[in-house]
Amino acid sequence: MAGKARVSLATMAAEVDADVDLPLMVGALRARGVDAQAVAWDAPDWAAFDQVVIRSTWDYAPRIEEFLHGPAT
């Protein structure tokens, strides 16, 4: 593999800084050579990541179409 794998831990915006488990998970992945970060599911450019772990996307239900297909363009 060329370079580090880029992994996103997908959460909801309100949890990026509030979920006490996310920094532990990010740290554990980084300790294993993974370029990991926690991001809000509706914010990033998903093409920038090799893998996405759906973590705590609790606000997806009222926005199911955006969650499944991305924001409207």
PDB file of N, CA and C in Angstrom:
ATOM      1  N   MET A   1       0.847  -1.174   0.000  1.00  0.00           N
ATOM      2  CA  MET A   1       0.000   0.000   0.000  1.00  0.00           C
ATOM      3  C   MET A   1       0.888   1.232   0.000  1.00  0.00           C
ATOM      4  N   ALA A   2       0.636   2.161  -0.873  1.00  0.00           N
ATOM      5  CA  ALA A   2       1.389   3.404  -0.931  1.00  0.00           C
ATOM      6  C   ALA A   2       0.794   4.395   0.054  1.00  0.00           C
ATOM      7  N   GLY A   3       1.568   4.798   1.065  1.00  0.00           N
ATOM      8  CA  GLY A   3       1.074   5.759   2.041  1.00  0.00           C
ATOM      9  C   GLY A   3       0.128   5.129   3.046  1.00  0.00           C
ATOM     10  N   LYS A   4      -0.318   5.962   3.959  1.00  0.00           N
ATOM     11  CA  LYS A   4      -1.244   5.506   4.992  1.00  0.00           C
ATOM     12  C   LYS A   4      -2.662   5.433   4.456  1.00  0.00           C
ATOM     13  N   ALA A   5      -3.411   4.466   4.951  1.00  0.00           N
ATOM     14  CA  ALA A   5      -4.834   4.399   4.635  1.00  0.00           C
ATOM     15  C   ALA A   5      -5.528   5.584   5.302  1.00  0.00           C
ATOM     16  N   ARG A   6      -6.439   6.234   4.586  1.00  0.00           N
ATOM     17  CA  ARG A   6      -7.209   7.355   5.143  1.00  0.00           C
ATOM     18  C   ARG A   6      -8.585   6.840   5.531  1.00  0.00           C
ATOM     19  N   VAL A   7      -8.894   6.927   6.831  1.00  0.00           N
ATOM     20  CA  VAL A   7     -10.145   6.392   7.355  1.00  0.00           C
ATOM     21  C   VAL A   7     -10.896   7.486   8.092  1.00  0.00           C
ATOM     22  N   SER A   8     -12.182   7.582   7.804  1.00  0.00           N
ATOM     23  CA  SER A   8     -13.067   8.517   8.491  1.00  0.00           C
ATOM     24  C   SER A   8     -13.959   7.745   9.449  1.00  0.00           C
ATOM     25  N   LEU A   9     -14.097   8.249  10.666  1.00  0.00           N
ATOM     26  CA  LEU A   9     -15.088   7.741  11.603  1.00  0.00           C
ATOM     27  C   LEU A   9     -16.265   8.700  11.514  1.00  0.00           C
ATOM     28  N   ALA A  10     -17.321   8.271  10.845  1.00  0.00           N
ATOM     29  CA  ALA A  10     -18.449   9.154  10.576  1.00  0.00           C
ATOM     30  C   ALA A  10     -19.345   9.271  11.811  1.00  0.00           C
ATOM     31  N   THR A  11     -19.663  10.499  12.139  1.00  0.00           N
ATOM     32  CA  THR A  11     -20.519  10.805  13.267  1.00  0.00           C
ATOM     33  C   THR A  11     -21.442  11.948  12.876  1.00  0.00           C
ATOM     34  N   MET A  12     -22.237  12.446  13.789  1.00  0.00           N
ATOM     35  CA  MET A  12     -23.039  13.632  13.496  1.00  0.00           C
ATOM     36  C   MET A  12     -22.279  14.850  14.015  1.00  0.00           C
ATOM     37  N   ALA A  13     -22.555  16.005  13.452  1.00  0.00           N
ATOM     38  CA  ALA A  13     -21.791  17.211  13.756  1.00  0.00           C
ATOM     39  C   ALA A  13     -21.705  17.480  15.258  1.00  0.00           C
ATOM     40  N   ALA A  14     -22.800  17.288  15.975  1.00  0.00           N
ATOM     41  CA  ALA A  14     -22.813  17.570  17.412  1.00  0.00           C
ATOM     42  C   ALA A  14     -21.920  16.623  18.210  1.00  0.00           C
ATOM     43  N   GLU A  15     -21.546  15.500  17.635  1.00  0.00           N
ATOM     44  CA  GLU A  15     -20.744  14.507  18.347  1.00  0.00           C
ATOM     45  C   GLU A  15     -19.251  14.568  18.033  1.00  0.00           C
ATOM     46  N   VAL A  16     -18.848  15.308  17.022  1.00  0.00           N
ATOM     47  CA  VAL A  16     -17.434  15.326  16.633  1.00  0.00           C
ATOM     48  C   VAL A  16     -16.547  15.682  17.823  1.00  0.00           C
ATOM     49  N   ASP A  17     -16.930  16.677  18.583  1.00  0.00           N
ATOM     50  CA  ASP A  17     -16.130  17.090  19.736  1.00  0.00           C
ATOM     51  C   ASP A  17     -16.693  16.599  21.064  1.00  0.00           C
ATOM     52  N   ALA A  18     -17.879  16.006  21.068  1.00  0.00           N
ATOM     53  CA  ALA A  18     -18.530  15.618  22.320  1.00  0.00           C
ATOM     54  C   ALA A  18     -18.395  14.133  22.652  1.00  0.00           C
ATOM     55  N   ASP A  19     -18.249  13.277  21.667  1.00  0.00           N
ATOM     56  CA  ASP A  19     -18.179  11.833  21.895  1.00  0.00           C
ATOM     57  C   ASP A  19     -16.813  11.484  22.495  1.00  0.00           C
ATOM     58  N   VAL A  20     -16.808  11.039  23.732  1.00  0.00           N
ATOM     59  CA  VAL A  20     -15.538  10.769  24.415  1.00  0.00           C
ATOM     60  C   VAL A  20     -14.801   9.554  23.851  1.00  0.00           C
ATOM     61  N   ASP A  21     -15.502   8.699  23.123  1.00  0.00           N
ATOM     62  CA  ASP A  21     -14.863   7.516  22.540  1.00  0.00           C
ATOM     63  C   ASP A  21     -14.118   7.816  21.241  1.00  0.00           C
ATOM     64  N   LEU A  22     -14.550   8.834  20.520  1.00  0.00           N
ATOM     65  CA  LEU A  22     -13.934   9.108  19.215  1.00  0.00           C
ATOM     66  C   LEU A  22     -12.436   9.388  19.301  1.00  0.00           C
ATOM     67  N   PRO A  23     -11.960  10.236  20.208  1.00  0.00           N
ATOM     68  CA  PRO A  23     -10.508  10.447  20.270  1.00  0.00           C
ATOM     69  C   PRO A  23      -9.738   9.164  20.584  1.00  0.00           C
ATOM     70  N   LEU A  24     -10.324   8.295  21.395  1.00  0.00           N
ATOM     71  CA  LEU A  24      -9.666   7.020  21.701  1.00  0.00           C
ATOM     72  C   LEU A  24      -9.572   6.146  20.465  1.00  0.00           C
ATOM     73  N   MET A  25     -10.639   6.107  19.684  1.00  0.00           N
ATOM     74  CA  MET A  25     -10.645   5.297  18.467  1.00  0.00           C
ATOM     75  C   MET A  25      -9.677   5.859  17.429  1.00  0.00           C
ATOM     76  N   VAL A  26      -9.698   7.182  17.265  1.00  0.00           N
ATOM     77  CA  VAL A  26      -8.782   7.819  16.321  1.00  0.00           C
ATOM     78  C   VAL A  26      -7.342   7.556  16.741  1.00  0.00           C
ATOM     79  N   GLY A  27      -7.062   7.709  18.031  1.00  0.00           N
ATOM     80  CA  GLY A  27      -5.708   7.474  18.534  1.00  0.00           C
ATOM     81  C   GLY A  27      -5.245   6.046  18.323  1.00  0.00           C
ATOM     82  N   ALA A  28      -6.132   5.090  18.556  1.00  0.00           N
ATOM     83  CA  ALA A  28      -5.775   3.681  18.362  1.00  0.00           C
ATOM     84  C   ALA A  28      -5.476   3.382  16.896  1.00  0.00           C
ATOM     85  N   LEU A  29      -6.272   3.933  16.012  1.00  0.00           N
ATOM     86  CA  LEU A  29      -6.017   3.731  14.579  1.00  0.00           C
ATOM     87  C   LEU A  29      -4.710   4.386  14.153  1.00  0.00           C
ATOM     88  N   ARG A  30      -4.479   5.596  14.630  1.00  0.00           N
ATOM     89  CA  ARG A  30      -3.225   6.290  14.277  1.00  0.00           C
ATOM     90  C   ARG A  30      -2.011   5.546  14.799  1.00  0.00           C
ATOM     91  N   ALA A  31      -2.132   4.948  15.986  1.00  0.00           N
ATOM     92  CA  ALA A  31      -1.026   4.172  16.552  1.00  0.00           C
ATOM     93  C   ALA A  31      -0.693   2.969  15.682  1.00  0.00           C
ATOM     94  N   ARG A  32      -1.636   2.555  14.853  1.00  0.00           N
ATOM     95  CA  ARG A  32      -1.430   1.422  13.947  1.00  0.00           C
ATOM     96  C   ARG A  32      -1.115   1.866  12.520  1.00  0.00           C
ATOM     97  N   GLY A  33      -0.805   3.149  12.380  1.00  0.00           N
ATOM     98  CA  GLY A  33      -0.379   3.649  11.082  1.00  0.00           C
ATOM     99  C   GLY A  33      -1.486   4.088  10.146  1.00  0.00           C
ATOM    100  N   VAL A  34      -2.686   4.259  10.677  1.00  0.00           N
ATOM    101  CA  VAL A  34      -3.826   4.684   9.857  1.00  0.00           C
ATOM    102  C   VAL A  34      -4.013   6.187  10.010  1.00  0.00           C
ATOM    103  N   ASP A  35      -4.235   6.872   8.915  1.00  0.00           N
ATOM    104  CA  ASP A  35      -4.551   8.305   8.949  1.00  0.00           C
ATOM    105  C   ASP A  35      -6.050   8.419   9.219  1.00  0.00           C
ATOM    106  N   ALA A  36      -6.419   8.492  10.498  1.00  0.00           N
ATOM    107  CA  ALA A  36      -7.822   8.473  10.903  1.00  0.00           C
ATOM    108  C   ALA A  36      -8.267   9.832  11.411  1.00  0.00           C
ATOM    109  N   GLN A  37      -9.552  10.117  11.200  1.00  0.00           N
ATOM    110  CA  GLN A  37     -10.144  11.318  11.772  1.00  0.00           C
ATOM    111  C   GLN A  37     -11.642  11.134  11.903  1.00  0.00           C
ATOM    112  N   ALA A  38     -12.203  11.805  12.903  1.00  0.00           N
ATOM    113  CA  ALA A  38     -13.648  11.803  13.101  1.00  0.00           C
ATOM    114  C   ALA A  38     -14.219  13.009  12.366  1.00  0.00           C
ATOM    115  N   VAL A  39     -15.259  12.769  11.580  1.00  0.00           N
ATOM    116  CA  VAL A  39     -15.882  13.861  10.825  1.00  0.00           C
ATOM    117  C   VAL A  39     -17.397  13.695  10.810  1.00  0.00           C
ATOM    118  N   ALA A  40     -18.088  14.809  10.683  1.00  0.00           N
ATOM    119  CA  ALA A  40     -19.548  14.773  10.549  1.00  0.00           C
ATOM    120  C   ALA A  40     -19.900  14.137   9.212  1.00  0.00           C
ATOM    121  N   TRP A  41     -20.886  13.271   9.214  1.00  0.00           N
ATOM    122  CA  TRP A  41     -21.225  12.519   8.002  1.00  0.00           C
ATOM    123  C   TRP A  41     -21.670  13.414   6.857  1.00  0.00           C
ATOM    124  N   ASP A  42     -22.186  14.603   7.167  1.00  0.00           N
ATOM    125  CA  ASP A  42     -22.692  15.480   6.110  1.00  0.00           C
ATOM    126  C   ASP A  42     -21.692  16.549   5.689  1.00  0.00           C
ATOM    127  N   ALA A  43     -20.456  16.458   6.156  1.00  0.00           N
ATOM    128  CA  ALA A  43     -19.486  17.514   5.875  1.00  0.00           C
ATOM    129  C   ALA A  43     -18.406  17.162   4.847  1.00  0.00           C
ATOM    130  N   PRO A  44     -17.798  15.992   4.927  1.00  0.00           N
ATOM    131  CA  PRO A  44     -16.579  15.789   4.147  1.00  0.00           C
ATOM    132  C   PRO A  44     -16.797  15.443   2.681  1.00  0.00           C
ATOM    133  N   ASP A  45     -15.689  15.493   1.987  1.00  0.00           N
ATOM    134  CA  ASP A  45     -15.606  14.974   0.634  1.00  0.00           C
ATOM    135  C   ASP A  45     -15.221  13.508   0.781  1.00  0.00           C
ATOM    136  N   TRP A  46     -16.172  12.605   0.662  1.00  0.00           N
ATOM    137  CA  TRP A  46     -15.919  11.192   0.933  1.00  0.00           C
ATOM    138  C   TRP A  46     -14.866  10.595   0.014  1.00  0.00           C
ATOM    139  N   ALA A  47     -14.634  11.183  -1.131  1.00  0.00           N
ATOM    140  CA  ALA A  47     -13.610  10.667  -2.029  1.00  0.00           C
ATOM    141  C   ALA A  47     -12.211  10.820  -1.441  1.00  0.00           C
ATOM    142  N   ALA A  48     -12.066  11.644  -0.412  1.00  0.00           N
ATOM    143  CA  ALA A  48     -10.763  11.854   0.220  1.00  0.00           C
ATOM    144  C   ALA A  48     -10.372  10.696   1.136  1.00  0.00           C
ATOM    145  N   PHE A  49     -11.304   9.786   1.415  1.00  0.00           N
ATOM    146  CA  PHE A  49     -11.050   8.688   2.339  1.00  0.00           C
ATOM    147  C   PHE A  49     -11.040   7.352   1.598  1.00  0.00           C
ATOM    148  N   ASP A  50     -10.196   6.456   2.103  1.00  0.00           N
ATOM    149  CA  ASP A  50     -10.161   5.099   1.566  1.00  0.00           C
ATOM    150  C   ASP A  50     -11.297   4.254   2.144  1.00  0.00           C
ATOM    151  N   GLN A  51     -11.631   4.537   3.410  1.00  0.00           N
ATOM    152  CA  GLN A  51     -12.685   3.784   4.094  1.00  0.00           C
ATOM    153  C   GLN A  51     -13.433   4.717   5.033  1.00  0.00           C
ATOM    154  N   VAL A  52     -14.693   4.380   5.290  1.00  0.00           N
ATOM    155  CA  VAL A  52     -15.521   5.130   6.239  1.00  0.00           C
ATOM    156  C   VAL A  52     -16.132   4.132   7.210  1.00  0.00           C
ATOM    157  N   VAL A  53     -15.984   4.419   8.492  1.00  0.00           N
ATOM    158  CA  VAL A  53     -16.618   3.623   9.530  1.00  0.00           C
ATOM    159  C   VAL A  53     -17.810   4.432  10.030  1.00  0.00           C
ATOM    160  N   ILE A  54     -19.008   3.894   9.861  1.00  0.00           N
ATOM    161  CA  ILE A  54     -20.197   4.588  10.345  1.00  0.00           C
ATOM    162  C   ILE A  54     -20.243   4.394  11.848  1.00  0.00           C
ATOM    163  N   ARG A  55     -20.061   5.489  12.562  1.00  0.00           N
ATOM    164  CA  ARG A  55     -19.901   5.427  14.007  1.00  0.00           C
ATOM    165  C   ARG A  55     -21.171   5.850  14.742  1.00  0.00           C
ATOM    166  N   SER A  56     -21.497   7.130  14.706  1.00  0.00           N
ATOM    167  CA  SER A  56     -22.626   7.648  15.488  1.00  0.00           C
ATOM    168  C   SER A  56     -23.360   8.724  14.689  1.00  0.00           C
ATOM    169  N   THR A  57     -24.002   8.286  13.643  1.00  0.00           N
ATOM    170  CA  THR A  57     -24.698   9.198  12.718  1.00  0.00           C
ATOM    171  C   THR A  57     -26.172   9.314  13.103  1.00  0.00           C
ATOM    172  N   TRP A  58     -26.428   9.619  14.356  1.00  0.00           N
ATOM    173  CA  TRP A  58     -27.773   9.555  14.932  1.00  0.00           C
ATOM    174  C   TRP A  58     -28.782  10.472  14.267  1.00  0.00           C
ATOM    175  N   ASP A  59     -28.359  11.510  13.601  1.00  0.00           N
ATOM    176  CA  ASP A  59     -29.312  12.449  12.990  1.00  0.00           C
ATOM    177  C   ASP A  59     -29.625  12.118  11.529  1.00  0.00           C
ATOM    178  N   TYR A  60     -29.304  10.914  11.093  1.00  0.00           N
ATOM    179  CA  TYR A  60     -29.548  10.560   9.695  1.00  0.00           C
ATOM    180  C   TYR A  60     -31.026  10.345   9.378  1.00  0.00           C
ATOM    181  N   ALA A  61     -31.803   9.865  10.325  1.00  0.00           N
ATOM    182  CA  ALA A  61     -33.176   9.446  10.032  1.00  0.00           C
ATOM    183  C   ALA A  61     -34.035  10.536   9.396  1.00  0.00           C
ATOM    184  N   PRO A  62     -34.075  11.756   9.929  1.00  0.00           N
ATOM    185  CA  PRO A  62     -34.897  12.774   9.275  1.00  0.00           C
ATOM    186  C   PRO A  62     -34.281  13.286   7.969  1.00  0.00           C
ATOM    187  N   ARG A  63     -33.059  12.863   7.676  1.00  0.00           N
ATOM    188  CA  ARG A  63     -32.351  13.301   6.473  1.00  0.00           C
ATOM    189  C   ARG A  63     -31.896  12.092   5.665  1.00  0.00           C
ATOM    190  N   ILE A  64     -32.730  11.064   5.626  1.00  0.00           N
ATOM    191  CA  ILE A  64     -32.344   9.783   5.050  1.00  0.00           C
ATOM    192  C   ILE A  64     -31.884   9.885   3.593  1.00  0.00           C
ATOM    193  N   GLU A  65     -32.541  10.682   2.787  1.00  0.00           N
ATOM    194  CA  GLU A  65     -32.124  10.797   1.374  1.00  0.00           C
ATOM    195  C   GLU A  65     -30.733  11.401   1.258  1.00  0.00           C
ATOM    196  N   GLU A  66     -30.448  12.421   2.041  1.00  0.00           N
ATOM    197  CA  GLU A  66     -29.107  13.023   2.014  1.00  0.00           C
ATOM    198  C   GLU A  66     -28.074  12.006   2.526  1.00  0.00           C
ATOM    199  N   PHE A  67     -28.428  11.258   3.553  1.00  0.00           N
ATOM    200  CA  PHE A  67     -27.513  10.257   4.102  1.00  0.00           C
ATOM    201  C   PHE A  67     -27.191   9.193   3.060  1.00  0.00           C
ATOM    202  N   LEU A  68     -28.198   8.738   2.354  1.00  0.00           N
ATOM    203  CA  LEU A  68     -27.984   7.659   1.382  1.00  0.00           C
ATOM    204  C   LEU A  68     -27.353   8.131   0.078  1.00  0.00           C
ATOM    205  N   HIS A  69     -27.641   9.350  -0.339  1.00  0.00           N
ATOM    206  CA  HIS A  69     -27.211   9.791  -1.670  1.00  0.00           C
ATOM    207  C   HIS A  69     -26.333  11.028  -1.691  1.00  0.00           C
ATOM    208  N   GLY A  70     -26.077  11.629  -0.559  1.00  0.00           N
ATOM    209  CA  GLY A  70     -25.278  12.844  -0.502  1.00  0.00           C
ATOM    210  C   GLY A  70     -26.158  14.064  -0.687  1.00  0.00           C
ATOM    211  N   PRO A  71     -25.600  15.230  -0.428  1.00  0.00           N
ATOM    212  CA  PRO A  71     -26.382  16.456  -0.548  1.00  0.00           C
ATOM    213  C   PRO A  71     -26.848  16.705  -1.970  1.00  0.00           C
ATOM    214  N   ALA A  72     -27.972  17.342  -2.091  1.00  0.00           N
ATOM    215  CA  ALA A  72     -28.499  17.710  -3.424  1.00  0.00           C
ATOM    216  C   ALA A  72     -27.568  18.723  -4.057  1.00  0.00           C
ATOM    217  N   THR A  73     -27.378  18.585  -5.346  1.00  0.00           N
ATOM    218  CA  THR A  73     -26.502  19.541  -6.049  1.00  0.00           C
ATOM    219  C   THR A  73     -27.316  20.408  -6.982  1.00  0.00           C
TER     220      THR A  73
END
